Amino acid sequence: MSNHVVNTDLTDGSAKLEEGGFFKQPRAVWAVFFAGIIAFMGLGLVDPILPAIAENLNATQSQVSLLFTSYNAVMAVAMLVTGTISSRLGMKWTLLLGIIVIAIFSALGGLSDNIWTIIGLRGGWGFGNALFVATALSAIVSLSNSGTTQAVILYEAAVGLGISVGPLLGGWLGAITWRGPFLGVASLMVIAFIGLITLMPKSNLSRKDRPKTSVLDPFRALKHRSLVIFGLTACLYNFGFFTLMAYAPFVMGLDEHGLGFVFLGWGVLLAFTSVFMAPRLQQRFGTVKSMSVMLFLFALTLLVMGIWTNEQWVVIAAVVFAGALLGNNNTLITAAVMNASPVERSTASAAYSFLRFLGGAIAPFLAGKLAEWFNPHIPFVVGAGFVLLSVVLIMANQHHVKHVDHAGSGH
């Protein structure tokens, strides 16, 4: 893999998407794609069962929100070592190791009866997910025969589909028992493992020929100010993202099926906009400007949820609408990070992901605590404030990040 960031400009991706070549990928790409959907299901799968877990295990909202905190905190730290592991094991075995870890910890979570045990096991699940997620993008780009642009869009499609299907499956299995989603992920991971080990080729490089990545590389990457700006922006944005994910289920007053359908609508919009709308926004308005507008609108959406928290239909509509904003922003910020600095792609992703998931680790627990300390409105208002700060950060550092809009053509 080259030592410079390859072109991940999305402006031609949406046009090529419709030509048909996008879908003519090697079987190995589709195996990683399918496994990616399952891995990203884990993010939203527990959403519809958060109230049920709290009720069945006599846990508070803030304790249940730690299921997201432990998952994201371990993911953040693990992102720093995934490159080192992958450079030694190779992409295929790193992906398979991630799948095995996810399957084991999700199965153990489904068999546990103690909230603190499950919180710890979700951390293990997060480690497996970090191994998988950090390697999946590189794998799809390397194995794809249609260029980096379309490979990135294919990866974002897997993210979107996983996030959208996860809550629906979680609601369906969760209505049977709260253990269902945990055991369901473990079962699906077995299928993903079989698909990957069968369809994904071995690396052409011998172990000694693979370039070794140091644990310190992501920290060295953070000397690039643009990468730090986007990482901190994502950290602040994730305060809002995970306030919505981890806290909104408690104020909607819906059962597992109802929550599953709300987050399905949210996820479908997220998937659609990340693949089809974000490239067009980038082409017309530029990455930085489009990202800033999407973040500002998301802050307003959270503020609306904070003001009308007691109006069920307002919260439901706001959650679904937020999916469109989040889908656009996820793709735009991924493209920006890939073009932000002259750092090898996986290293830049690891450094950025470390900062991003720190926000996702703090936000769920903070939201639950704010609701306990003050009232149900405050978590959304505080989340809106953090997202607004991310816009201020981008605007204040515009001259350090504006180059990402031109990186696609000459980087």
Protein backbone atom coordinates (compact mmCIF):
# COMPACT_ATOMS: atom_id res chain seq x y z
CA MET A 1 0.00 0.00 0.00
CA SER A 2 1.36 3.41 -0.94
CA ASN A 3 2.48 5.95 1.59
CA HIS A 4 0.21 8.72 0.37
CA VAL A 5 -3.53 9.09 0.59
CA VAL A 6 -5.25 7.93 -2.54
CA ASN A 7 -8.06 9.80 -4.25
CA THR A 8 -11.30 9.35 -2.34
CA ASP A 9 -13.08 12.25 -4.00
CA LEU A 10 -16.71 11.20 -4.21
CA THR A 11 -17.75 13.56 -6.96
CA ASP A 12 -17.51 10.99 -9.73
CA GLY A 13 -18.67 8.11 -7.54
CA SER A 14 -22.38 8.81 -7.77
CA ALA A 15 -22.23 8.94 -11.56
CA LYS A 16 -20.27 5.69 -11.85
CA LEU A 17 -22.58 4.06 -9.34
CA GLU A 18 -25.32 3.90 -11.96
CA GLU A 19 -23.20 2.39 -14.73
CA GLY A 20 -23.46 -1.19 -13.49
CA GLY A 21 -19.73 -1.84 -13.03
CA PHE A 22 -20.13 -0.97 -9.37
CA PHE A 23 -21.96 -4.25 -8.78
CA LYS A 24 -19.47 -6.41 -10.73
CA GLN A 25 -17.14 -7.06 -7.80
CA PRO A 26 -15.12 -10.18 -6.92
CA ARG A 27 -16.85 -12.60 -4.55
CA ALA A 28 -14.32 -11.70 -1.84
CA VAL A 29 -15.55 -8.08 -1.85
CA TRP A 30 -19.13 -9.23 -1.32
CA ALA A 31 -17.99 -11.52 1.51
CA VAL A 32 -16.37 -8.56 3.30
CA PHE A 33 -19.41 -6.42 2.45
CA PHE A 34 -21.80 -8.96 4.04
CA ALA A 35 -19.61 -9.39 7.10
CA GLY A 36 -19.43 -5.59 7.36
CA ILE A 37 -23.22 -5.31 7.45
CA ILE A 38 -23.34 -7.80 10.33
CA ALA A 39 -20.53 -6.05 12.21
CA PHE A 40 -22.29 -2.69 11.94
CA MET A 41 -25.57 -4.26 13.05
CA GLY A 42 -23.95 -4.45 16.50
CA LEU A 43 -24.08 -0.67 16.79
CA GLY A 44 -27.85 -0.35 16.68
CA LEU A 45 -28.91 -3.87 17.60
CA VAL A 46 -29.15 -3.15 21.34
CA ASP A 47 -31.09 0.11 20.83
CA PRO A 48 -34.61 -1.37 20.93
CA ILE A 49 -33.82 -3.50 24.01
CA LEU A 50 -32.26 -0.80 26.23
CA PRO A 51 -35.49 -0.23 28.23
CA ALA A 52 -36.06 -4.01 28.41
CA ILE A 53 -32.52 -4.63 29.74
CA ALA A 54 -33.03 -1.89 32.34
CA GLU A 55 -36.31 -3.47 33.45
CA ASN A 56 -35.16 -7.11 33.46
CA LEU A 57 -31.83 -6.50 35.18
CA ASN A 58 -33.04 -3.73 37.55
CA ALA A 59 -30.57 -1.27 36.03
CA THR A 60 -30.74 2.53 35.75
CA GLN A 61 -30.71 4.40 32.42
CA SER A 62 -27.12 5.55 32.97
CA GLN A 63 -26.00 1.98 33.78
CA VAL A 64 -27.63 0.63 30.60
CA SER A 65 -26.05 3.43 28.57
CA LEU A 66 -22.67 2.03 29.64
CA LEU A 67 -23.31 -0.74 27.06
CA PHE A 68 -22.41 1.94 24.49
CA THR A 69 -19.69 3.52 26.63
CA SER A 70 -17.65 0.33 27.16
CA TYR A 71 -18.10 -0.65 23.49
CA ASN A 72 -16.91 2.74 22.17
CA ALA A 73 -14.15 3.26 24.75
CA VAL A 74 -12.52 -0.09 23.92
CA MET A 75 -12.99 0.59 20.20
CA ALA A 76 -11.25 3.98 20.55
CA VAL A 77 -8.15 2.50 22.25
CA ALA A 78 -8.13 -0.63 20.08
CA MET A 79 -8.10 1.49 16.91
CA LEU A 80 -4.54 2.49 17.84
CA VAL A 81 -3.29 -1.12 17.66
CA THR A 82 -5.38 -2.56 14.83
CA GLY A 83 -2.85 -1.39 12.22
CA THR A 84 -0.04 -3.12 14.08
CA ILE A 85 -2.05 -6.35 14.35
CA SER A 86 -3.19 -6.22 10.72
CA SER A 87 0.34 -5.62 9.41
CA ARG A 88 1.46 -8.80 11.16
CA LEU A 89 -1.53 -11.10 10.65
CA GLY A 90 -2.59 -9.83 7.24
CA MET A 91 -6.04 -8.48 6.31
CA LYS A 92 -7.83 -11.82 6.05
CA TRP A 93 -6.79 -13.15 9.46
CA THR A 94 -7.36 -9.78 11.17
CA LEU A 95 -10.93 -9.74 9.83
CA LEU A 96 -11.47 -13.35 10.93
CA LEU A 97 -10.03 -12.65 14.39
CA GLY A 98 -12.39 -9.69 14.75
CA ILE A 99 -15.37 -11.87 13.78
CA ILE A 100 -14.37 -14.60 16.29
CA VAL A 101 -14.02 -12.04 19.12
CA ILE A 102 -17.40 -10.45 18.30
CA ALA A 103 -19.12 -13.87 18.20
CA ILE A 104 -17.66 -14.99 21.54
CA PHE A 105 -18.40 -11.80 23.48
CA SER A 106 -21.88 -11.26 22.05
CA ALA A 107 -22.81 -14.89 22.86
CA LEU A 108 -21.48 -14.53 26.43
CA GLY A 109 -23.45 -11.28 26.77
CA GLY A 110 -26.64 -13.07 25.77
CA LEU A 111 -26.03 -15.73 28.45
CA SER A 112 -25.29 -13.26 31.28
CA ASP A 113 -27.64 -12.08 34.03
CA ASN A 114 -25.66 -9.18 35.47
CA ILE A 115 -25.61 -5.68 33.95
CA TRP A 116 -21.96 -5.08 34.90
CA THR A 117 -20.89 -8.38 33.33
CA ILE A 118 -22.67 -7.43 30.10
CA ILE A 119 -21.06 -3.97 30.16
CA GLY A 120 -17.64 -5.65 30.37
CA LEU A 121 -18.49 -8.13 27.62
CA ARG A 122 -19.64 -5.27 25.35
CA GLY A 123 -16.10 -3.93 25.73
CA GLY A 124 -14.75 -7.21 24.34
CA TRP A 125 -17.30 -6.97 21.52
CA GLY A 126 -15.94 -3.45 20.83
CA PHE A 127 -12.39 -4.82 20.51
CA GLY A 128 -13.52 -7.38 17.94
CA ASN A 129 -15.42 -4.69 16.08
CA ALA A 130 -12.34 -2.44 16.03
CA LEU A 131 -10.27 -5.22 14.43
CA PHE A 132 -12.94 -5.79 11.82
CA VAL A 133 -13.99 -2.21 11.06
CA ALA A 134 -10.45 -0.84 10.79
CA THR A 135 -9.50 -3.56 8.30
CA ALA A 136 -12.73 -3.82 6.28
CA LEU A 137 -12.31 -0.52 4.40
CA SER A 138 -8.74 -1.39 3.38
CA ALA A 139 -9.89 -4.88 2.36
CA ILE A 140 -12.74 -3.63 0.16
CA VAL A 141 -10.49 -1.00 -1.47
CA SER A 142 -7.71 -3.56 -2.08
CA LEU A 143 -9.97 -6.30 -3.44
CA SER A 144 -12.37 -4.11 -5.46
CA ASN A 145 -11.90 -3.91 -9.22
CA SER A 146 -13.79 -0.64 -9.64
CA GLY A 147 -11.49 1.94 -8.07
CA THR A 148 -11.18 3.60 -4.68
CA THR A 149 -14.14 5.97 -5.12
CA GLN A 150 -16.69 3.22 -5.62
CA ALA A 151 -15.03 0.99 -3.00
CA VAL A 152 -15.48 3.72 -0.36
CA ILE A 153 -19.14 4.13 -1.36
CA LEU A 154 -19.59 0.33 -1.17
CA TYR A 155 -18.09 0.37 2.35
CA GLU A 156 -20.43 3.20 3.38
CA ALA A 157 -23.34 1.17 1.97
CA ALA A 158 -22.38 -1.74 4.25
CA VAL A 159 -22.23 0.67 7.20
CA GLY A 160 -25.63 2.12 6.36
CA LEU A 161 -27.32 -1.24 5.78
CA GLY A 162 -25.89 -2.66 9.01
CA ILE A 163 -26.98 0.34 11.05
CA SER A 164 -30.49 0.26 9.51
CA VAL A 165 -31.14 -3.50 9.71
CA GLY A 166 -29.64 -3.81 13.22
CA PRO A 167 -32.46 -2.08 15.13
CA LEU A 168 -35.19 -3.94 13.20
CA LEU A 169 -33.58 -7.31 13.94
CA GLY A 170 -32.89 -6.17 17.51
CA GLY A 171 -36.54 -5.22 17.98
CA TRP A 172 -37.80 -8.50 16.53
CA LEU A 173 -35.44 -10.70 18.55
CA GLY A 174 -35.72 -8.43 21.60
CA ALA A 175 -39.51 -8.85 21.67
CA ILE A 176 -38.90 -12.57 22.27
CA THR A 177 -36.22 -12.00 24.90
CA TRP A 178 -33.68 -9.24 25.55
CA ARG A 179 -31.00 -11.92 25.09
CA GLY A 180 -32.08 -12.49 21.48
CA PRO A 181 -30.08 -9.71 19.78
CA PHE A 182 -26.84 -10.79 21.51
CA LEU A 183 -27.26 -14.42 20.49
CA GLY A 184 -28.43 -13.36 17.02
CA VAL A 185 -25.20 -11.47 16.33
CA ALA A 186 -23.13 -14.47 17.45
CA SER A 187 -25.04 -16.71 15.03
CA LEU A 188 -24.70 -14.30 12.11
CA MET A 189 -20.98 -13.95 12.78
CA VAL A 190 -20.57 -17.70 12.27
CA ILE A 191 -22.08 -17.28 8.77
CA ALA A 192 -19.80 -14.27 8.11
CA PHE A 193 -16.78 -16.31 9.22
CA ILE A 194 -17.61 -19.15 6.81
CA GLY A 195 -18.13 -16.66 3.96
CA LEU A 196 -14.83 -14.87 4.56
CA ILE A 197 -12.64 -17.93 5.11
CA THR A 198 -14.08 -19.50 1.94
CA LEU A 199 -14.19 -16.51 -0.44
CA MET A 200 -11.39 -14.16 0.63
CA PRO A 201 -7.98 -14.90 -0.92
CA LYS A 202 -4.79 -15.17 1.09
CA SER A 203 -2.38 -12.24 0.99
CA ASN A 204 0.14 -12.33 -1.84
CA LEU A 205 2.77 -10.98 0.53
CA SER A 206 4.68 -13.24 2.84
CA ARG A 207 4.77 -12.25 6.50
CA LYS A 208 8.31 -10.85 6.26
CA ASP A 209 7.43 -8.78 3.15
CA ARG A 210 4.46 -7.00 4.73
CA PRO A 211 5.23 -3.41 5.80
CA LYS A 212 5.09 -3.33 9.62
CA THR A 213 3.02 -0.64 11.30
CA SER A 214 4.04 0.78 14.66
CA VAL A 215 1.63 1.48 17.54
CA LEU A 216 3.05 5.01 17.53
CA ASP A 217 2.10 5.71 13.88
CA PRO A 218 -1.44 6.99 14.65
CA PHE A 219 0.00 9.39 17.25
CA ARG A 220 2.58 10.61 14.73
CA ALA A 221 -0.27 11.15 12.26
CA LEU A 222 -1.90 13.56 14.70
CA LYS A 223 0.89 16.08 14.09
CA HIS A 224 -1.15 16.98 10.98
CA ARG A 225 -3.48 19.70 12.18
CA SER A 226 -6.19 18.95 9.61
CA LEU A 227 -6.46 15.35 10.84
CA VAL A 228 -6.77 16.55 14.45
CA ILE A 229 -9.46 19.07 13.46
CA PHE A 230 -11.57 16.41 11.75
CA GLY A 231 -10.98 13.95 14.60
CA LEU A 232 -12.11 16.47 17.24
CA THR A 233 -15.04 17.49 15.03
CA ALA A 234 -16.14 13.83 14.89
CA CYS A 235 -15.60 13.51 18.66
CA LEU A 236 -17.96 16.46 19.35
CA TYR A 237 -20.42 15.26 16.69
CA ASN A 238 -20.49 11.81 18.29
CA PHE A 239 -21.70 13.38 21.53
CA GLY A 240 -24.90 14.18 19.64
CA PHE A 241 -24.95 10.93 17.66
CA PHE A 242 -24.74 8.67 20.71
CA THR A 243 -27.04 10.85 22.82
CA LEU A 244 -29.64 10.10 20.15
CA MET A 245 -28.70 6.40 19.92
CA ALA A 246 -28.43 5.62 23.64
CA TYR A 247 -30.90 8.01 25.26
CA ALA A 248 -33.76 8.57 22.77
CA PRO A 249 -35.14 4.99 23.23
CA PHE A 250 -35.96 5.85 26.87
CA VAL A 251 -38.16 8.87 26.07
CA MET A 252 -40.13 7.52 23.08
CA GLY A 253 -42.39 5.27 25.17
CA LEU A 254 -42.37 2.45 22.57
CA ASP A 255 -41.95 -1.32 22.88
CA GLU A 256 -39.14 -3.29 21.23
CA HIS A 257 -40.97 -3.57 17.88
CA GLY A 258 -41.83 0.13 17.85
CA LEU A 259 -38.26 1.18 18.62
CA GLY A 260 -37.01 -1.23 15.97
CA PHE A 261 -39.18 0.39 13.28
CA VAL A 262 -38.24 3.96 14.30
CA PHE A 263 -34.54 3.17 14.09
CA LEU A 264 -35.12 1.23 10.85
CA GLY A 265 -36.49 4.44 9.32
CA TRP A 266 -33.53 6.32 10.76
CA GLY A 267 -31.07 3.77 9.36
CA VAL A 268 -32.66 3.57 5.90
CA LEU A 269 -32.32 7.35 5.50
CA LEU A 270 -28.77 7.12 6.85
CA ALA A 271 -27.86 4.42 4.31
CA PHE A 272 -29.52 6.18 1.36
CA THR A 273 -28.00 9.61 1.96
CA SER A 274 -24.51 8.26 2.71
CA VAL A 275 -24.37 6.52 -0.68
CA PHE A 276 -26.48 8.68 -3.02
CA MET A 277 -26.82 12.19 -1.57
CA ALA A 278 -23.41 12.92 0.02
CA PRO A 279 -21.43 12.62 -3.28
CA ARG A 280 -23.78 15.13 -4.93
CA LEU A 281 -23.51 17.56 -2.02
CA GLN A 282 -19.74 17.32 -2.15
CA GLN A 283 -19.72 17.95 -5.89
CA ARG A 284 -22.00 20.97 -5.68
CA PHE A 285 -20.98 22.70 -2.44
CA GLY A 286 -17.67 21.12 -1.35
CA THR A 287 -16.90 18.76 1.54
CA VAL A 288 -16.28 21.29 4.32
CA LYS A 289 -19.28 23.50 3.60
CA SER A 290 -21.66 20.53 3.21
CA MET A 291 -20.37 18.96 6.44
CA SER A 292 -20.81 22.21 8.38
CA VAL A 293 -24.42 22.62 7.20
CA MET A 294 -25.29 19.00 8.06
CA LEU A 295 -23.78 19.37 11.55
CA PHE A 296 -25.65 22.64 12.14
CA LEU A 297 -28.96 21.04 11.09
CA PHE A 298 -28.25 18.07 13.38
CA ALA A 299 -27.64 20.44 16.31
CA LEU A 300 -31.01 22.10 15.59
CA THR A 301 -32.70 18.68 15.41
CA LEU A 302 -31.31 17.74 18.84
CA LEU A 303 -32.44 21.11 20.21
CA VAL A 304 -35.98 20.43 18.92
CA MET A 305 -35.87 17.04 20.69
CA GLY A 306 -34.71 18.79 23.86
CA ILE A 307 -37.56 21.35 23.79
CA TRP A 308 -40.34 18.91 22.86
CA THR A 309 -39.06 15.81 24.68
CA ASN A 310 -42.56 15.05 26.03
CA GLU A 311 -44.14 15.08 22.54
CA GLN A 312 -43.73 11.50 21.34
CA TRP A 313 -44.35 12.23 17.64
CA VAL A 314 -41.80 15.07 17.61
CA VAL A 315 -39.05 12.86 19.08
CA ILE A 316 -39.86 10.00 16.67
CA ALA A 317 -39.91 12.31 13.62
CA ALA A 318 -36.67 14.00 14.72
CA VAL A 319 -34.87 10.66 15.17
CA VAL A 320 -35.88 9.48 11.68
CA PHE A 321 -35.00 12.84 10.08
CA ALA A 322 -31.62 12.85 11.85
CA GLY A 323 -30.72 9.69 9.91
CA ALA A 324 -30.54 11.72 6.68
CA LEU A 325 -28.20 14.27 8.27
CA LEU A 326 -25.97 11.61 9.84
CA GLY A 327 -25.67 9.58 6.63
CA ASN A 328 -24.49 12.62 4.68
CA ASN A 329 -22.08 13.65 7.42
CA ASN A 330 -20.57 10.16 7.88
CA THR A 331 -19.59 9.92 4.21
CA LEU A 332 -18.42 13.53 3.96
CA ILE A 333 -16.19 13.28 7.03
CA THR A 334 -14.74 9.91 5.89
CA ALA A 335 -13.82 11.47 2.54
CA ALA A 336 -12.35 14.51 4.32
CA VAL A 337 -10.20 12.39 6.66
CA MET A 338 -8.88 10.28 3.78
CA ASN A 339 -7.72 13.46 2.02
CA ALA A 340 -6.74 15.48 5.10
CA SER A 341 -3.06 14.54 5.36
CA PRO A 342 -0.26 12.74 3.47
CA VAL A 343 -0.56 9.77 5.82
CA GLU A 344 -1.15 6.14 4.81
CA ARG A 345 -4.90 5.51 4.70
CA SER A 346 -5.24 2.97 7.51
CA THR A 347 -3.02 5.02 9.84
CA ALA A 348 -5.06 8.19 9.24
CA SER A 349 -8.25 6.21 9.86
CA ALA A 350 -6.87 4.78 13.12
CA ALA A 351 -5.86 8.22 14.45
CA TYR A 352 -9.21 9.75 13.48
CA SER A 353 -11.22 6.82 14.86
CA PHE A 354 -9.43 7.05 18.21
CA LEU A 355 -10.63 10.65 18.65
CA ARG A 356 -14.08 9.94 17.18
CA PHE A 357 -14.94 7.04 19.48
CA LEU A 358 -13.85 8.93 22.60
CA GLY A 359 -16.90 11.13 22.08
CA GLY A 360 -19.03 8.03 21.58
CA ALA A 361 -17.71 6.60 24.86
CA ILE A 362 -18.47 9.62 27.06
CA ALA A 363 -21.80 10.74 25.56
CA PRO A 364 -24.13 7.78 26.42
CA PHE A 365 -23.22 7.71 30.12
CA LEU A 366 -23.30 11.52 30.34
CA ALA A 367 -26.77 11.59 28.75
CA GLY A 368 -28.15 9.08 31.27
CA LYS A 369 -26.61 10.97 34.19
CA LEU A 370 -27.89 14.37 33.00
CA ALA A 371 -31.42 12.94 32.84
CA GLU A 372 -31.07 11.59 36.40
CA TRP A 373 -29.54 14.82 37.76
CA PHE A 374 -31.81 17.33 35.99
CA ASN A 375 -34.68 16.33 33.66
CA PRO A 376 -35.32 14.38 30.40
CA HIS A 377 -34.79 17.49 28.24
CA ILE A 378 -31.22 18.32 29.23
CA PRO A 379 -29.35 15.42 27.49
CA PHE A 380 -30.61 16.52 24.06
CA VAL A 381 -29.85 20.20 24.73
CA VAL A 382 -26.30 19.39 25.87
CA GLY A 383 -25.84 17.07 22.86
CA ALA A 384 -26.94 19.93 20.58
CA GLY A 385 -24.37 22.19 22.24
CA PHE A 386 -21.53 19.73 21.57
CA VAL A 387 -22.54 19.35 17.90
CA LEU A 388 -22.71 23.14 17.54
CA LEU A 389 -19.17 23.30 18.95
CA SER A 390 -18.02 21.00 16.13
CA VAL A 391 -19.30 23.54 13.58
CA VAL A 392 -17.48 26.35 15.39
CA LEU A 393 -14.29 24.25 15.37
CA ILE A 394 -14.46 23.72 11.60
CA MET A 395 -15.25 27.38 10.91
CA ALA A 396 -12.41 28.58 13.15
CA ASN A 397 -9.92 26.32 11.36
CA GLN A 398 -11.24 26.62 7.84
CA HIS A 399 -7.87 27.56 6.34
CA HIS A 400 -6.38 24.34 7.76
CA VAL A 401 -9.04 22.04 6.26
CA LYS A 402 -10.16 23.67 3.01
CA HIS A 403 -7.52 21.72 1.02
CA VAL A 404 -9.61 18.52 1.29
CA ASP A 405 -11.97 19.92 -1.37
CA HIS A 406 -9.10 19.95 -3.88
CA ALA A 407 -7.29 16.80 -2.68
CA GLY A 408 -9.26 14.48 -4.95
CA SER A 409 -7.80 15.94 -8.12
CA GLY A 410 -4.24 16.56 -7.14
CA HIS A 411 -3.37 14.98 -3.83
